[in-house]
N, C-alpha and C. Protein backbone atom coordinates (compact mmCIF):
# COMPACT_ATOMS: atom_id res chain seq x y z
N UNK A 1 23.13 -32.27 -11.92
CA UNK A 1 22.53 -31.53 -10.56
C UNK A 1 21.64 -32.16 -9.88
N UNK A 2 21.68 -32.40 -8.73
CA UNK A 2 20.72 -33.21 -7.96
C UNK A 2 19.46 -32.39 -7.69
N UNK A 3 18.34 -33.29 -7.61
CA UNK A 3 17.02 -32.82 -7.32
C UNK A 3 16.96 -32.22 -5.86
N UNK A 4 16.25 -31.09 -5.60
CA UNK A 4 16.02 -30.57 -4.34
C UNK A 4 15.30 -31.65 -3.55
N UNK A 5 15.59 -31.73 -2.28
CA UNK A 5 14.76 -32.58 -1.22
C UNK A 5 13.45 -31.99 -0.91
N UNK A 6 12.58 -32.83 -0.50
CA UNK A 6 11.16 -32.25 -0.10
C UNK A 6 11.32 -31.07 0.89
N UNK A 7 12.20 -31.14 1.80
CA UNK A 7 12.47 -30.08 2.75
C UNK A 7 12.80 -28.91 2.03
N UNK A 8 13.82 -28.86 1.11
CA UNK A 8 14.26 -27.81 0.54
C UNK A 8 13.10 -27.20 -0.49
N UNK A 9 12.31 -28.03 -1.08
CA UNK A 9 11.14 -27.61 -1.91
C UNK A 9 10.20 -26.88 -1.04
N UNK A 10 9.84 -27.41 0.19
CA UNK A 10 8.82 -26.72 1.02
C UNK A 10 9.46 -25.30 1.56
N UNK A 11 10.75 -25.33 1.95
CA UNK A 11 11.30 -24.05 2.35
C UNK A 11 11.41 -23.06 1.18
N UNK A 12 11.43 -23.31 0.03
CA UNK A 12 11.76 -22.51 -1.22
C UNK A 12 10.29 -21.95 -1.54
N UNK A 13 9.35 -22.77 -1.37
CA UNK A 13 7.87 -22.13 -1.56
C UNK A 13 7.58 -21.18 -0.47
N UNK A 14 7.73 -21.52 0.69
CA UNK A 14 7.56 -20.37 1.80
C UNK A 14 8.28 -19.18 1.62
N UNK A 15 9.60 -19.28 1.28
CA UNK A 15 10.28 -18.11 1.07
C UNK A 15 9.81 -17.30 -0.16
N UNK A 16 9.43 -17.99 -1.27
CA UNK A 16 8.99 -17.42 -2.50
C UNK A 16 7.68 -16.79 -2.15
N UNK A 17 6.83 -17.42 -1.40
CA UNK A 17 5.47 -16.75 -0.88
C UNK A 17 5.80 -15.51 -0.20
N UNK A 18 6.57 -15.46 0.75
CA UNK A 18 6.85 -14.17 1.66
C UNK A 18 7.32 -13.04 0.75
N UNK A 19 8.31 -13.48 0.06
CA UNK A 19 8.82 -12.45 -0.94
C UNK A 19 7.72 -11.93 -1.82
N UNK A 20 6.79 -12.86 -2.41
CA UNK A 20 5.76 -12.38 -3.27
C UNK A 20 4.81 -11.39 -2.63
N UNK A 21 4.60 -11.82 -1.26
CA UNK A 21 3.65 -10.82 -0.46
C UNK A 21 4.28 -9.63 -0.37
N UNK A 22 5.64 -9.37 0.07
CA UNK A 22 6.28 -8.28 0.14
C UNK A 22 6.34 -7.52 -1.07
N UNK A 23 6.30 -8.19 -2.34
CA UNK A 23 6.26 -7.50 -3.59
C UNK A 23 4.91 -7.13 -4.07
N UNK A 24 3.78 -7.58 -3.19
CA UNK A 24 2.46 -7.41 -3.62
C UNK A 24 2.15 -7.94 -5.01
N UNK A 25 2.71 -9.13 -5.27
CA UNK A 25 2.54 -9.85 -6.60
C UNK A 25 1.55 -10.94 -6.60
N UNK A 26 0.42 -10.55 -6.99
CA UNK A 26 -0.75 -11.53 -6.74
C UNK A 26 -0.64 -12.84 -7.37
N UNK A 27 -0.10 -12.79 -8.66
CA UNK A 27 0.33 -13.98 -9.37
C UNK A 27 1.19 -14.85 -8.72
N UNK A 28 2.33 -14.24 -8.21
CA UNK A 28 3.39 -15.09 -7.70
C UNK A 28 2.91 -15.64 -6.41
N UNK A 29 2.04 -14.92 -5.54
CA UNK A 29 1.59 -15.35 -4.27
C UNK A 29 0.65 -16.54 -4.75
N UNK A 30 -0.38 -16.40 -5.58
CA UNK A 30 -1.24 -17.64 -6.05
C UNK A 30 -0.26 -18.77 -6.41
N UNK A 31 0.66 -18.60 -7.19
CA UNK A 31 1.52 -19.74 -7.65
C UNK A 31 2.06 -20.58 -6.58
N UNK A 32 2.15 -20.10 -5.31
CA UNK A 32 2.66 -20.94 -4.16
C UNK A 32 1.56 -21.84 -3.62
N UNK A 33 0.34 -21.64 -4.08
CA UNK A 33 -0.79 -22.56 -3.51
C UNK A 33 -1.53 -23.44 -4.32
N UNK A 34 -2.01 -24.38 -3.92
CA UNK A 34 -2.92 -25.27 -4.55
C UNK A 34 -4.15 -24.31 -5.00
N UNK A 35 -4.86 -24.61 -6.07
CA UNK A 35 -5.98 -23.70 -6.45
C UNK A 35 -7.04 -23.53 -5.34
N UNK A 36 -7.22 -24.70 -4.60
CA UNK A 36 -8.37 -24.69 -3.60
C UNK A 36 -7.77 -24.57 -2.20
N UNK A 37 -6.59 -23.96 -1.94
CA UNK A 37 -5.98 -23.81 -0.73
C UNK A 37 -6.80 -23.01 0.11
N UNK A 38 -6.60 -23.11 1.51
CA UNK A 38 -7.35 -22.31 2.51
C UNK A 38 -6.34 -21.57 3.46
N UNK A 39 -6.43 -20.36 3.84
CA UNK A 39 -5.62 -19.76 4.81
C UNK A 39 -6.54 -19.20 6.00
N UNK A 40 -6.41 -19.89 7.07
CA UNK A 40 -7.13 -19.63 8.25
C UNK A 40 -6.37 -18.61 9.15
N UNK A 41 -7.23 -17.76 9.68
CA UNK A 41 -6.68 -16.62 10.52
C UNK A 41 -7.20 -16.80 11.94
N UNK A 42 -6.46 -16.14 12.99
CA UNK A 42 -7.19 -15.91 14.38
C UNK A 42 -8.35 -15.06 14.35
N UNK A 43 -9.29 -15.34 14.96
CA UNK A 43 -10.53 -14.47 15.25
C UNK A 43 -10.10 -13.04 15.58
N UNK A 44 -10.67 -12.04 14.97
CA UNK A 44 -12.01 -12.22 14.35
C UNK A 44 -11.95 -12.20 12.66
N UNK A 45 -10.67 -12.43 12.21
CA UNK A 45 -10.47 -12.51 10.84
C UNK A 45 -11.04 -13.94 10.23
N UNK A 46 -11.63 -13.83 9.06
CA UNK A 46 -12.24 -14.93 8.36
C UNK A 46 -11.20 -15.52 7.34
N UNK A 47 -11.30 -16.83 7.10
CA UNK A 47 -10.54 -17.58 6.13
C UNK A 47 -10.52 -16.94 4.80
N UNK A 48 -9.53 -17.25 4.01
CA UNK A 48 -9.47 -16.99 2.64
C UNK A 48 -9.43 -18.23 1.93
N UNK A 49 -10.22 -18.53 0.94
CA UNK A 49 -10.19 -19.78 0.15
C UNK A 49 -9.88 -19.44 -1.27
N UNK A 50 -8.97 -20.35 -1.81
CA UNK A 50 -8.56 -20.11 -3.22
C UNK A 50 -7.25 -19.40 -3.32
N UNK A 51 -6.29 -20.06 -4.15
CA UNK A 51 -5.12 -19.30 -4.35
C UNK A 51 -5.21 -18.04 -4.97
N UNK A 52 -6.11 -17.83 -5.95
CA UNK A 52 -6.34 -16.40 -6.62
C UNK A 52 -6.84 -15.44 -5.56
N UNK A 53 -7.65 -15.69 -4.81
CA UNK A 53 -8.30 -14.81 -3.77
C UNK A 53 -7.27 -14.45 -2.66
N UNK A 54 -6.39 -15.52 -2.35
CA UNK A 54 -5.18 -15.15 -1.46
C UNK A 54 -4.25 -14.19 -2.15
N UNK A 55 -3.86 -14.41 -3.50
CA UNK A 55 -2.99 -13.52 -4.16
C UNK A 55 -3.59 -11.92 -4.14
N UNK A 56 -4.82 -11.89 -4.45
CA UNK A 56 -5.49 -10.60 -4.58
C UNK A 56 -5.54 -9.92 -3.27
N UNK A 57 -5.90 -10.73 -2.13
CA UNK A 57 -5.95 -10.26 -0.71
C UNK A 57 -4.50 -9.58 -0.45
N UNK A 58 -3.55 -10.20 -0.51
CA UNK A 58 -2.21 -9.84 -0.10
C UNK A 58 -1.68 -8.64 -0.97
N UNK A 59 -1.96 -8.86 -2.30
CA UNK A 59 -1.49 -7.72 -3.22
C UNK A 59 -2.18 -6.45 -3.06
N UNK A 60 -3.33 -6.48 -2.37
CA UNK A 60 -4.03 -5.26 -2.09
C UNK A 60 -3.67 -4.80 -0.69
N UNK A 61 -3.72 -5.57 0.24
CA UNK A 61 -3.29 -5.31 1.85
C UNK A 61 -1.93 -4.81 1.94
N UNK A 62 -1.06 -5.37 1.20
CA UNK A 62 0.32 -5.00 1.63
C UNK A 62 0.64 -3.57 1.31
N UNK A 63 0.35 -3.21 0.09
CA UNK A 63 0.68 -1.71 -0.13
C UNK A 63 -0.35 -0.74 0.40
N UNK A 64 -1.48 -1.21 0.76
CA UNK A 64 -2.48 -0.35 1.37
C UNK A 64 -2.04 -0.02 2.80
N UNK A 65 -1.52 -1.09 3.52
CA UNK A 65 -1.08 -0.77 4.93
C UNK A 65 0.38 -0.69 5.28
N UNK A 66 1.16 -0.60 4.05
CA UNK A 66 2.58 -0.50 4.03
C UNK A 66 3.21 -1.65 4.82
N UNK A 67 2.82 -2.97 4.53
CA UNK A 67 3.38 -4.06 5.20
C UNK A 67 4.56 -4.68 4.63
N UNK A 68 5.39 -5.19 5.57
CA UNK A 68 6.55 -5.87 5.19
C UNK A 68 6.84 -7.18 6.24
N UNK A 69 6.92 -8.34 5.59
CA UNK A 69 7.11 -9.63 6.50
C UNK A 69 8.57 -9.97 6.42
N UNK A 70 8.97 -10.58 7.56
CA UNK A 70 10.35 -11.27 7.46
C UNK A 70 10.02 -12.69 7.99
N UNK A 71 11.06 -13.59 7.40
CA UNK A 71 11.01 -15.03 7.76
C UNK A 71 12.11 -15.04 8.92
N UNK A 72 11.54 -15.38 10.16
CA UNK A 72 12.44 -15.46 11.42
C UNK A 72 12.97 -16.88 11.52
N UNK A 73 12.09 -17.77 11.53
CA UNK A 73 12.44 -19.32 11.68
C UNK A 73 11.49 -20.11 10.75
N UNK A 74 12.16 -21.19 10.34
CA UNK A 74 11.49 -22.09 9.56
C UNK A 74 11.90 -23.61 10.17
N UNK A 75 10.68 -24.32 10.29
CA UNK A 75 10.97 -25.71 10.63
C UNK A 75 10.19 -26.58 9.74
N UNK A 76 10.83 -27.61 9.22
CA UNK A 76 10.12 -28.55 8.22
C UNK A 76 9.90 -29.88 8.90
N UNK A 77 8.82 -30.59 8.42
CA UNK A 77 8.56 -32.00 8.84
C UNK A 77 8.03 -32.62 7.60
N UNK A 78 9.04 -33.26 6.95
CA UNK A 78 8.69 -33.89 5.50
C UNK A 78 7.61 -35.00 5.59
N UNK A 79 7.76 -35.74 6.88
CA UNK A 79 6.82 -36.97 6.89
C UNK A 79 5.36 -36.41 7.02
N UNK A 80 5.13 -35.19 7.61
CA UNK A 80 3.74 -34.44 7.60
C UNK A 80 3.67 -33.57 6.55
N UNK A 81 4.55 -33.39 5.61
CA UNK A 81 4.40 -32.41 4.53
C UNK A 81 4.09 -30.98 5.09
N UNK A 82 4.94 -30.63 6.19
CA UNK A 82 4.38 -29.38 6.79
C UNK A 82 5.64 -28.53 7.18
N UNK A 83 5.38 -27.22 7.25
CA UNK A 83 6.42 -26.20 7.63
C UNK A 83 5.83 -25.34 8.71
N UNK A 84 6.52 -24.89 9.73
CA UNK A 84 6.09 -24.02 10.70
C UNK A 84 7.06 -22.81 10.26
N UNK A 85 6.35 -21.59 10.15
CA UNK A 85 7.13 -20.40 9.97
C UNK A 85 6.85 -19.37 11.02
N UNK A 86 7.86 -18.88 11.63
CA UNK A 86 7.70 -17.80 12.66
C UNK A 86 8.05 -16.49 11.93
N UNK A 87 7.26 -15.59 12.09
CA UNK A 87 7.31 -14.32 11.23
C UNK A 87 7.20 -13.08 12.03
N UNK A 88 7.66 -11.95 11.43
CA UNK A 88 7.53 -10.65 11.96
C UNK A 88 6.88 -9.93 10.75
N UNK A 89 5.89 -9.14 11.06
CA UNK A 89 5.14 -8.13 10.28
C UNK A 89 5.30 -6.70 10.79
N UNK A 90 5.82 -5.89 9.76
CA UNK A 90 6.04 -4.56 10.12
C UNK A 90 4.87 -3.77 9.18
N UNK A 91 4.04 -2.88 9.84
CA UNK A 91 3.10 -2.23 9.18
C UNK A 91 3.15 -0.78 9.38
N UNK A 92 3.16 -0.04 8.46
CA UNK A 92 3.36 1.48 8.59
C UNK A 92 2.19 2.27 8.63
N UNK A 93 0.99 1.86 8.09
CA UNK A 93 -0.27 2.48 8.07
C UNK A 93 -1.25 1.83 8.87
N UNK A 94 -2.34 2.45 9.21
CA UNK A 94 -2.51 3.85 9.56
C UNK A 94 -1.55 4.32 10.56
N UNK A 95 -1.10 3.40 11.58
CA UNK A 95 -0.04 3.77 12.51
C UNK A 95 0.87 2.55 12.59
N UNK A 96 2.19 2.77 12.89
CA UNK A 96 3.11 1.82 12.90
C UNK A 96 2.89 0.77 13.86
N UNK A 97 3.14 -0.52 13.50
CA UNK A 97 2.70 -1.66 14.27
C UNK A 97 3.72 -2.70 14.02
N UNK A 98 4.13 -3.53 15.07
CA UNK A 98 4.98 -4.66 14.76
C UNK A 98 4.19 -5.84 15.35
N UNK A 99 4.06 -6.84 14.59
CA UNK A 99 3.10 -8.04 14.94
C UNK A 99 4.11 -9.21 14.69
N UNK A 100 4.09 -10.28 15.76
CA UNK A 100 4.60 -11.38 15.51
C UNK A 100 3.68 -12.59 15.51
N UNK A 101 4.22 -13.63 14.68
CA UNK A 101 3.27 -14.82 14.56
C UNK A 101 3.90 -16.03 14.05
N UNK A 102 3.16 -17.10 14.14
CA UNK A 102 3.56 -18.46 13.55
C UNK A 102 2.54 -18.94 12.67
N UNK A 103 2.88 -19.53 11.58
CA UNK A 103 1.91 -20.36 10.63
C UNK A 103 2.36 -21.66 10.39
N UNK A 104 1.35 -22.54 10.36
CA UNK A 104 1.58 -23.92 9.98
C UNK A 104 1.21 -24.12 8.50
N UNK A 105 2.13 -24.49 7.57
CA UNK A 105 1.77 -24.77 6.24
C UNK A 105 1.74 -26.10 6.02
N UNK A 106 0.57 -26.73 5.35
CA UNK A 106 0.47 -28.13 4.99
C UNK A 106 0.61 -28.14 3.41
N UNK A 107 1.43 -29.13 2.78
CA UNK A 107 1.70 -29.10 1.49
C UNK A 107 1.00 -30.32 0.72
N UNK A 108 0.67 -30.27 -0.48
CA UNK A 108 0.17 -31.28 -1.28
C UNK A 108 1.30 -32.10 -1.54
N UNK A 109 1.33 -33.44 -1.59
CA UNK A 109 2.48 -34.32 -1.71
C UNK A 109 2.93 -34.33 -3.34
N UNK A 110 2.03 -34.26 -4.11
CA UNK A 110 2.31 -34.37 -5.57
C UNK A 110 3.02 -33.12 -6.05
N UNK A 111 2.48 -31.95 -5.71
CA UNK A 111 2.89 -30.73 -6.28
C UNK A 111 3.88 -29.85 -5.41
N UNK A 112 3.91 -30.19 -4.04
CA UNK A 112 4.43 -29.32 -3.05
C UNK A 112 4.00 -28.11 -3.13
N UNK A 113 2.84 -27.76 -3.42
CA UNK A 113 2.04 -26.38 -3.21
C UNK A 113 1.34 -26.43 -1.86
N UNK A 114 1.40 -25.26 -1.31
CA UNK A 114 0.54 -25.10 0.03
C UNK A 114 -0.81 -25.40 -0.27
N UNK A 115 -1.45 -26.24 0.60
CA UNK A 115 -2.89 -26.46 0.42
C UNK A 115 -3.59 -25.93 1.69
N UNK A 116 -2.90 -25.74 2.75
CA UNK A 116 -3.58 -25.18 3.95
C UNK A 116 -2.56 -24.42 4.80
N UNK A 117 -3.09 -23.09 5.31
CA UNK A 117 -2.26 -22.22 6.26
C UNK A 117 -3.10 -22.11 7.46
N UNK A 118 -2.46 -22.31 8.66
CA UNK A 118 -3.07 -21.91 9.73
C UNK A 118 -2.25 -20.81 10.55
N UNK A 119 -2.77 -19.70 10.51
CA UNK A 119 -2.05 -18.61 11.21
C UNK A 119 -2.40 -18.18 12.63
N UNK A 120 -1.26 -17.92 13.40
CA UNK A 120 -1.53 -17.56 14.82
C UNK A 120 -0.82 -16.34 15.05
N UNK A 121 -1.24 -15.52 15.76
CA UNK A 121 -0.57 -14.14 16.32
C UNK A 121 -0.05 -14.33 17.68
N UNK A 122 0.99 -13.80 17.81
CA UNK A 122 1.71 -13.79 19.23
C UNK A 122 0.80 -12.92 20.39
N UNK A 123 0.10 -12.04 19.84
CA UNK A 123 -0.64 -11.11 20.75
C UNK A 123 -2.09 -11.00 20.11
N UNK A 124 -2.92 -10.39 21.05
CA UNK A 124 -4.27 -10.12 20.32
C UNK A 124 -4.14 -9.21 19.31
N UNK A 125 -5.15 -9.39 18.25
CA UNK A 125 -5.29 -8.45 17.16
C UNK A 125 -5.81 -7.08 17.54
N UNK A 126 -5.00 -6.30 18.11
CA UNK A 126 -5.46 -5.05 18.58
C UNK A 126 -4.60 -3.97 17.89
N UNK A 127 -5.14 -3.30 16.91
CA UNK A 127 -4.56 -2.42 16.07
C UNK A 127 -3.94 -1.08 16.85
N UNK A 128 -4.51 -0.86 18.21
CA UNK A 128 -4.03 0.23 19.03
C UNK A 128 -2.82 -0.04 19.56
N UNK A 129 -2.31 -1.34 19.75
CA UNK A 129 -1.03 -1.69 20.31
C UNK A 129 0.02 -1.59 19.42
N UNK A 130 0.99 -0.67 19.50
CA UNK A 130 2.28 -0.60 18.48
C UNK A 130 2.96 -1.76 18.40
N UNK A 131 3.14 -2.54 19.33
CA UNK A 131 4.18 -3.70 19.34
C UNK A 131 3.17 -4.93 19.79
N UNK A 132 2.90 -5.87 18.77
CA UNK A 132 2.05 -7.17 19.09
C UNK A 132 3.12 -8.34 18.98
N UNK A 133 3.52 -8.76 20.27
CA UNK A 133 4.58 -9.86 20.23
C UNK A 133 4.46 -10.38 21.58
N UNK A 134 5.29 -11.45 21.83
CA UNK A 134 5.23 -12.05 23.04
C UNK A 134 5.95 -11.25 24.11
N UNK A 135 5.11 -11.16 25.29
CA UNK A 135 5.63 -10.33 26.29
C UNK A 135 6.89 -10.93 27.01
N UNK A 136 7.74 -10.07 27.32
CA UNK A 136 9.01 -10.34 28.05
C UNK A 136 10.03 -11.35 27.31
N UNK A 137 9.76 -11.41 25.95
CA UNK A 137 10.64 -12.31 25.03
C UNK A 137 11.72 -11.34 24.59
N UNK A 138 12.94 -11.73 24.51
CA UNK A 138 14.05 -10.81 24.25
C UNK A 138 14.39 -10.97 22.81
N UNK A 139 13.54 -10.30 21.89
CA UNK A 139 13.60 -10.43 20.37
C UNK A 139 15.16 -9.92 19.92
N UNK A 140 15.41 -8.74 20.45
CA UNK A 140 16.63 -7.99 20.07
C UNK A 140 17.92 -9.04 20.46
N UNK A 141 17.76 -9.55 21.78
CA UNK A 141 18.93 -10.30 22.16
C UNK A 141 19.03 -11.62 21.35
N UNK A 142 17.92 -12.02 20.92
CA UNK A 142 17.99 -13.39 20.13
C UNK A 142 18.14 -13.08 18.66
N UNK A 143 18.42 -11.99 18.19
CA UNK A 143 18.65 -11.59 16.87
C UNK A 143 17.42 -11.46 15.91
N UNK A 144 16.24 -11.19 16.44
CA UNK A 144 15.05 -10.95 15.75
C UNK A 144 15.03 -9.56 15.12
N UNK A 145 14.42 -9.20 13.96
CA UNK A 145 14.38 -7.89 13.71
C UNK A 145 13.41 -7.03 14.58
N UNK A 146 13.87 -5.88 14.91
CA UNK A 146 13.05 -4.95 15.83
C UNK A 146 12.73 -3.73 15.22
N UNK A 147 13.19 -3.51 13.94
CA UNK A 147 12.76 -2.38 13.25
C UNK A 147 12.75 -2.79 11.77
N UNK A 148 11.99 -2.00 10.86
CA UNK A 148 11.93 -2.50 9.53
C UNK A 148 13.31 -2.45 8.83
N UNK A 149 13.49 -3.49 7.94
CA UNK A 149 14.83 -3.47 7.30
C UNK A 149 14.91 -2.22 6.46
N UNK A 150 16.12 -1.87 6.24
CA UNK A 150 16.44 -0.65 5.32
C UNK A 150 16.12 -1.05 3.85
N UNK A 151 16.46 -2.24 3.57
CA UNK A 151 16.08 -2.78 2.18
C UNK A 151 14.82 -3.61 2.34
N UNK A 152 13.70 -3.05 1.91
CA UNK A 152 12.54 -3.67 2.04
C UNK A 152 12.12 -4.39 0.82
N UNK A 153 13.16 -4.76 -0.02
CA UNK A 153 12.80 -5.40 -1.26
C UNK A 153 13.01 -6.95 -1.09
N UNK A 154 13.69 -7.38 -0.17
CA UNK A 154 14.04 -8.81 0.01
C UNK A 154 13.83 -9.27 1.59
N UNK A 155 13.10 -10.38 1.74
CA UNK A 155 12.79 -10.95 2.93
C UNK A 155 14.05 -11.68 3.34
N UNK A 156 14.31 -11.75 4.62
CA UNK A 156 15.64 -12.30 5.12
C UNK A 156 15.62 -13.91 4.98
């Protein structure tokens, strides 16, 4: 059996991370990150430092807000040890919300664990807006999810 390529390793870690978030599994989330990893967010949210803290954060927030993430696009750059993920977040509580975004993941070269995440939302972080995504972009026409999946146990 051949060893996975670095690109395959990075994609696997990202998909495993998103699935672990959807499962609200703190340990599985933390296992995708180096111990001292940092996740940066758009203003006004503050960064989260440390794999264990990231795991606890998502394991709490996902069920609390009824969140489900999808993997829409993945782009890898092995030379930079980086992945860009385009995602959709469906939130059910306190009011339904769809948010789109992109994150840049930087990997440690020895472990292929995530050492840094830089998150960007496609729209202002305004909880009053039911759809937070790019204006005039044909999500449906391009095959992006526009409603929560019927089976919310697996990311796409």
